[in-house]
């Protein structure tokens, strides 16, 4: 990646990028094919996916969104241990919708 950018090679590589409509997703970071040049990520290659591939991509995006939801969930303090712990009940419910 560094070589592609420092030498302006315009290389096609898999990278994690924030999507803005590519693959039907917006505002989420996903691993997608993109072109790296001296400007960094020049463009995302929006491949035509089969219906099955698109379903798998959307499932992955849903899992990423569920993880983000877990990170944003309110924290509870376990008084016995004095350690902040996530309220897993809400997080578990969020994950169940994708199974």
N, C-alpha and C. Protein backbone atom coordinates (compact mmCIF):
# COMPACT_ATOMS: atom_id res chain seq x y z
N UNK A 1 0.82 -1.19 0.00
CA UNK A 1 0.00 0.00 0.00
C UNK A 1 0.87 1.26 0.00
N UNK A 2 1.88 1.26 0.84
CA UNK A 2 2.75 2.43 0.91
C UNK A 2 3.46 2.62 -0.42
N UNK A 3 3.93 1.52 -1.02
CA UNK A 3 4.61 1.61 -2.30
C UNK A 3 3.70 2.12 -3.40
N UNK A 4 2.45 1.66 -3.39
CA UNK A 4 1.48 2.11 -4.40
C UNK A 4 1.27 3.61 -4.30
N UNK A 5 1.23 4.14 -3.09
CA UNK A 5 0.99 5.57 -2.90
C UNK A 5 2.26 6.38 -3.11
N UNK A 6 3.38 5.92 -2.55
CA UNK A 6 4.61 6.71 -2.64
C UNK A 6 5.19 6.73 -4.06
N UNK A 7 4.90 5.69 -4.84
CA UNK A 7 5.41 5.63 -6.21
C UNK A 7 4.32 5.88 -7.25
N UNK A 8 3.15 6.34 -6.82
CA UNK A 8 2.02 6.66 -7.71
C UNK A 8 1.76 5.55 -8.72
N UNK A 9 1.61 4.33 -8.21
CA UNK A 9 1.45 3.17 -9.09
C UNK A 9 0.03 2.92 -9.54
N UNK A 10 -0.94 3.60 -8.96
CA UNK A 10 -2.34 3.35 -9.32
C UNK A 10 -2.67 1.87 -9.25
N UNK A 11 -2.37 1.26 -8.11
CA UNK A 11 -2.57 -0.17 -7.91
C UNK A 11 -3.97 -0.46 -7.42
N UNK A 12 -4.54 -1.52 -7.92
CA UNK A 12 -5.83 -2.02 -7.46
C UNK A 12 -5.56 -2.95 -6.28
N UNK A 13 -6.05 -2.56 -5.10
CA UNK A 13 -5.82 -3.34 -3.88
C UNK A 13 -7.09 -3.36 -3.03
N UNK A 14 -7.24 -4.40 -2.22
CA UNK A 14 -8.37 -4.39 -1.27
C UNK A 14 -8.03 -3.48 -0.10
N UNK A 15 -8.92 -2.58 0.23
CA UNK A 15 -8.72 -1.63 1.32
C UNK A 15 -10.04 -1.41 2.05
N UNK A 16 -9.94 -0.99 3.28
CA UNK A 16 -11.14 -0.61 4.02
C UNK A 16 -11.40 0.86 3.73
N UNK A 17 -12.57 1.14 3.18
CA UNK A 17 -12.96 2.49 2.78
C UNK A 17 -14.35 2.79 3.31
N UNK A 18 -14.61 4.06 3.57
CA UNK A 18 -15.96 4.47 3.95
C UNK A 18 -16.77 4.60 2.67
N UNK A 19 -17.84 3.84 2.59
CA UNK A 19 -18.65 3.80 1.37
C UNK A 19 -19.64 4.96 1.33
N UNK A 20 -19.85 5.44 0.11
CA UNK A 20 -20.79 6.54 -0.12
C UNK A 20 -21.70 6.18 -1.29
N UNK A 21 -22.41 5.06 -1.12
CA UNK A 21 -23.31 4.59 -2.16
C UNK A 21 -22.78 3.40 -2.94
N UNK A 22 -21.47 3.15 -2.87
CA UNK A 22 -20.92 1.98 -3.55
C UNK A 22 -21.49 0.72 -2.92
N UNK A 23 -21.76 -0.26 -3.73
CA UNK A 23 -22.32 -1.54 -3.30
C UNK A 23 -23.62 -1.35 -2.52
N UNK A 24 -24.29 -0.23 -2.73
CA UNK A 24 -25.56 0.02 -2.07
C UNK A 24 -25.45 0.37 -0.60
N UNK A 25 -24.26 0.70 -0.14
CA UNK A 25 -24.05 1.04 1.27
C UNK A 25 -23.54 2.46 1.39
N UNK A 26 -23.85 3.08 2.52
CA UNK A 26 -23.43 4.46 2.74
C UNK A 26 -23.06 4.65 4.20
N UNK A 27 -21.95 5.35 4.44
CA UNK A 27 -21.55 5.70 5.80
C UNK A 27 -21.01 4.56 6.63
N UNK A 28 -20.49 3.53 5.97
CA UNK A 28 -19.94 2.38 6.69
C UNK A 28 -18.60 2.03 6.06
N UNK A 29 -17.64 1.63 6.88
CA UNK A 29 -16.32 1.25 6.38
C UNK A 29 -16.31 -0.26 6.12
N UNK A 30 -15.97 -0.62 4.89
CA UNK A 30 -15.94 -2.03 4.49
C UNK A 30 -14.71 -2.26 3.61
N UNK A 31 -14.25 -3.48 3.59
CA UNK A 31 -13.16 -3.85 2.70
C UNK A 31 -13.68 -4.00 1.28
N UNK A 32 -13.14 -3.20 0.37
CA UNK A 32 -13.57 -3.19 -1.02
C UNK A 32 -12.36 -2.98 -1.93
N UNK A 33 -12.48 -3.33 -3.21
CA UNK A 33 -11.37 -3.06 -4.13
C UNK A 33 -11.30 -1.57 -4.44
N UNK A 34 -10.09 -1.02 -4.38
CA UNK A 34 -9.94 0.40 -4.71
C UNK A 34 -8.58 0.63 -5.36
N UNK A 35 -8.43 1.79 -5.97
CA UNK A 35 -7.19 2.17 -6.63
C UNK A 35 -6.43 3.12 -5.70
N UNK A 36 -5.17 2.76 -5.41
CA UNK A 36 -4.30 3.61 -4.59
C UNK A 36 -3.30 4.32 -5.48
N UNK A 37 -3.18 5.63 -5.29
CA UNK A 37 -2.22 6.44 -6.04
C UNK A 37 -1.54 7.40 -5.07
N UNK A 38 -0.83 8.38 -5.59
CA UNK A 38 -0.14 9.32 -4.71
C UNK A 38 -1.11 10.16 -3.88
N UNK A 39 -2.38 10.22 -4.28
CA UNK A 39 -3.38 10.92 -3.49
C UNK A 39 -3.97 10.03 -2.38
N UNK A 40 -3.54 8.80 -2.31
CA UNK A 40 -4.13 7.84 -1.38
C UNK A 40 -5.15 7.01 -2.12
N UNK A 41 -6.32 6.84 -1.53
CA UNK A 41 -7.38 6.08 -2.19
C UNK A 41 -8.01 6.97 -3.26
N UNK A 42 -7.76 6.63 -4.52
CA UNK A 42 -8.26 7.43 -5.64
C UNK A 42 -9.72 7.17 -5.94
N UNK A 43 -10.09 5.89 -5.95
CA UNK A 43 -11.48 5.55 -6.25
C UNK A 43 -11.77 4.12 -5.83
N UNK A 44 -13.01 3.90 -5.53
CA UNK A 44 -13.49 2.56 -5.19
C UNK A 44 -14.00 1.92 -6.47
N UNK A 45 -13.64 0.68 -6.68
CA UNK A 45 -14.13 -0.07 -7.84
C UNK A 45 -15.43 -0.75 -7.43
N UNK A 46 -16.54 -0.25 -7.93
CA UNK A 46 -17.87 -0.75 -7.58
C UNK A 46 -18.20 -1.92 -8.52
N UNK A 47 -17.79 -3.12 -8.12
CA UNK A 47 -17.99 -4.31 -8.95
C UNK A 47 -19.46 -4.69 -9.02
N UNK A 48 -19.83 -5.30 -10.12
CA UNK A 48 -21.17 -5.88 -10.22
C UNK A 48 -21.13 -7.24 -9.53
N UNK A 49 -21.92 -7.36 -8.48
CA UNK A 49 -21.96 -8.61 -7.73
C UNK A 49 -23.21 -9.40 -8.10
N UNK A 50 -23.07 -10.71 -8.01
CA UNK A 50 -24.25 -11.56 -8.22
C UNK A 50 -25.21 -11.33 -7.04
N UNK A 51 -26.42 -11.83 -7.15
CA UNK A 51 -27.38 -11.70 -6.06
C UNK A 51 -26.86 -12.34 -4.78
N UNK A 52 -26.24 -13.52 -4.92
CA UNK A 52 -25.69 -14.21 -3.74
C UNK A 52 -24.54 -13.41 -3.12
N UNK A 53 -23.66 -12.88 -3.98
CA UNK A 53 -22.55 -12.07 -3.47
C UNK A 53 -23.05 -10.81 -2.78
N UNK A 54 -24.06 -10.17 -3.36
CA UNK A 54 -24.62 -8.96 -2.76
C UNK A 54 -25.27 -9.28 -1.41
N UNK A 55 -25.94 -10.42 -1.33
CA UNK A 55 -26.55 -10.84 -0.06
C UNK A 55 -25.47 -11.04 1.01
N UNK A 56 -24.37 -11.66 0.63
CA UNK A 56 -23.28 -11.86 1.58
C UNK A 56 -22.65 -10.53 1.99
N UNK A 57 -22.50 -9.61 1.03
CA UNK A 57 -21.94 -8.29 1.33
C UNK A 57 -22.84 -7.55 2.31
N UNK A 58 -24.15 -7.59 2.05
CA UNK A 58 -25.10 -6.92 2.95
C UNK A 58 -25.10 -7.56 4.34
N UNK A 59 -24.95 -8.86 4.38
CA UNK A 59 -24.86 -9.55 5.68
C UNK A 59 -23.61 -9.07 6.44
N UNK A 60 -22.50 -8.95 5.74
CA UNK A 60 -21.27 -8.44 6.36
C UNK A 60 -21.46 -7.01 6.84
N UNK A 61 -22.09 -6.18 6.02
CA UNK A 61 -22.34 -4.79 6.41
C UNK A 61 -23.24 -4.75 7.64
N UNK A 62 -24.22 -5.63 7.70
CA UNK A 62 -25.09 -5.70 8.87
C UNK A 62 -24.32 -6.09 10.12
N UNK A 63 -23.37 -7.00 9.98
CA UNK A 63 -22.54 -7.41 11.12
C UNK A 63 -21.67 -6.25 11.59
N UNK A 64 -21.13 -5.48 10.64
CA UNK A 64 -20.33 -4.31 11.01
C UNK A 64 -21.19 -3.30 11.74
N UNK A 65 -22.38 -3.06 11.23
CA UNK A 65 -23.29 -2.12 11.90
C UNK A 65 -23.67 -2.61 13.30
N UNK A 66 -23.86 -3.91 13.46
CA UNK A 66 -24.17 -4.47 14.78
C UNK A 66 -23.00 -4.26 15.74
N UNK A 67 -21.78 -4.46 15.25
CA UNK A 67 -20.60 -4.22 16.09
C UNK A 67 -20.50 -2.75 16.49
N UNK A 68 -20.78 -1.87 15.55
CA UNK A 68 -20.77 -0.43 15.85
C UNK A 68 -21.82 -0.13 16.93
N UNK A 69 -22.98 -0.76 16.80
CA UNK A 69 -24.03 -0.58 17.80
C UNK A 69 -23.58 -1.04 19.17
N UNK A 70 -22.82 -2.15 19.22
CA UNK A 70 -22.31 -2.63 20.51
C UNK A 70 -21.33 -1.62 21.11
N UNK A 71 -20.50 -1.04 20.28
CA UNK A 71 -19.53 -0.06 20.77
C UNK A 71 -20.21 1.21 21.26
N UNK A 72 -21.35 1.53 20.68
CA UNK A 72 -22.07 2.74 21.06
C UNK A 72 -23.08 2.50 22.17
N UNK A 73 -23.28 1.23 22.56
CA UNK A 73 -24.27 0.90 23.58
C UNK A 73 -23.86 1.50 24.92
N UNK A 74 -24.84 1.89 25.74
CA UNK A 74 -24.52 2.42 27.06
C UNK A 74 -23.77 1.38 27.88
N UNK A 75 -22.86 1.84 28.71
CA UNK A 75 -22.10 0.94 29.57
C UNK A 75 -22.73 0.90 30.96
N UNK A 76 -22.64 -0.25 31.58
CA UNK A 76 -23.13 -0.41 32.95
C UNK A 76 -21.93 -0.70 33.85
N UNK A 77 -22.00 -0.27 35.07
CA UNK A 77 -20.92 -0.53 36.03
C UNK A 77 -21.31 -1.75 36.86
N UNK A 78 -20.43 -2.73 36.86
CA UNK A 78 -20.64 -3.90 37.69
C UNK A 78 -20.08 -3.55 39.07
N UNK A 79 -20.98 -3.32 40.02
CA UNK A 79 -20.59 -2.86 41.35
C UNK A 79 -19.70 -3.87 42.07
N UNK A 80 -19.87 -5.16 41.76
CA UNK A 80 -19.06 -6.17 42.44
C UNK A 80 -17.61 -6.09 42.02
N UNK A 81 -17.36 -5.75 40.75
CA UNK A 81 -16.00 -5.73 40.24
C UNK A 81 -15.49 -4.31 40.02
N UNK A 82 -16.41 -3.34 39.96
CA UNK A 82 -15.99 -1.97 39.70
C UNK A 82 -15.46 -1.78 38.29
N UNK A 83 -15.83 -2.69 37.39
CA UNK A 83 -15.33 -2.65 36.01
C UNK A 83 -16.48 -2.28 35.09
N UNK A 84 -16.28 -1.28 34.22
CA UNK A 84 -17.34 -0.99 33.25
C UNK A 84 -17.56 -2.20 32.33
N UNK A 85 -18.79 -2.60 32.17
CA UNK A 85 -19.09 -3.71 31.28
C UNK A 85 -20.24 -3.32 30.37
N UNK A 86 -20.19 -3.74 29.13
CA UNK A 86 -21.25 -3.43 28.18
C UNK A 86 -22.53 -4.14 28.59
N UNK A 87 -23.62 -3.51 28.31
CA UNK A 87 -24.90 -4.17 28.55
C UNK A 87 -25.13 -5.14 27.40
N UNK A 88 -24.76 -6.38 27.63
CA UNK A 88 -24.76 -7.38 26.58
C UNK A 88 -26.16 -7.75 26.10
N UNK A 89 -27.16 -7.55 26.92
CA UNK A 89 -28.51 -7.91 26.51
C UNK A 89 -28.89 -7.19 25.22
N UNK A 90 -28.67 -5.87 25.14
CA UNK A 90 -29.00 -5.11 23.94
C UNK A 90 -28.10 -5.51 22.78
N UNK A 91 -26.82 -5.69 23.04
CA UNK A 91 -25.89 -6.08 22.00
C UNK A 91 -26.21 -7.45 21.43
N UNK A 92 -26.55 -8.38 22.30
CA UNK A 92 -26.89 -9.72 21.86
C UNK A 92 -28.14 -9.69 20.98
N UNK A 93 -29.13 -8.89 21.35
CA UNK A 93 -30.34 -8.79 20.54
C UNK A 93 -30.01 -8.21 19.16
N UNK A 94 -29.10 -7.24 19.12
CA UNK A 94 -28.72 -6.63 17.84
C UNK A 94 -28.04 -7.68 16.96
N UNK A 95 -27.22 -8.52 17.53
CA UNK A 95 -26.54 -9.55 16.74
C UNK A 95 -27.50 -10.64 16.27
N UNK A 96 -28.50 -10.96 17.06
CA UNK A 96 -29.44 -12.03 16.72
C UNK A 96 -30.21 -11.74 15.43
N UNK A 97 -30.46 -10.48 15.14
CA UNK A 97 -31.24 -10.17 13.94
C UNK A 97 -30.49 -10.53 12.66
N UNK A 98 -29.18 -10.76 12.72
CA UNK A 98 -28.41 -11.07 11.52
C UNK A 98 -28.12 -12.54 11.38
N UNK A 99 -28.64 -13.36 12.27
CA UNK A 99 -28.36 -14.81 12.19
C UNK A 99 -29.49 -15.55 11.55
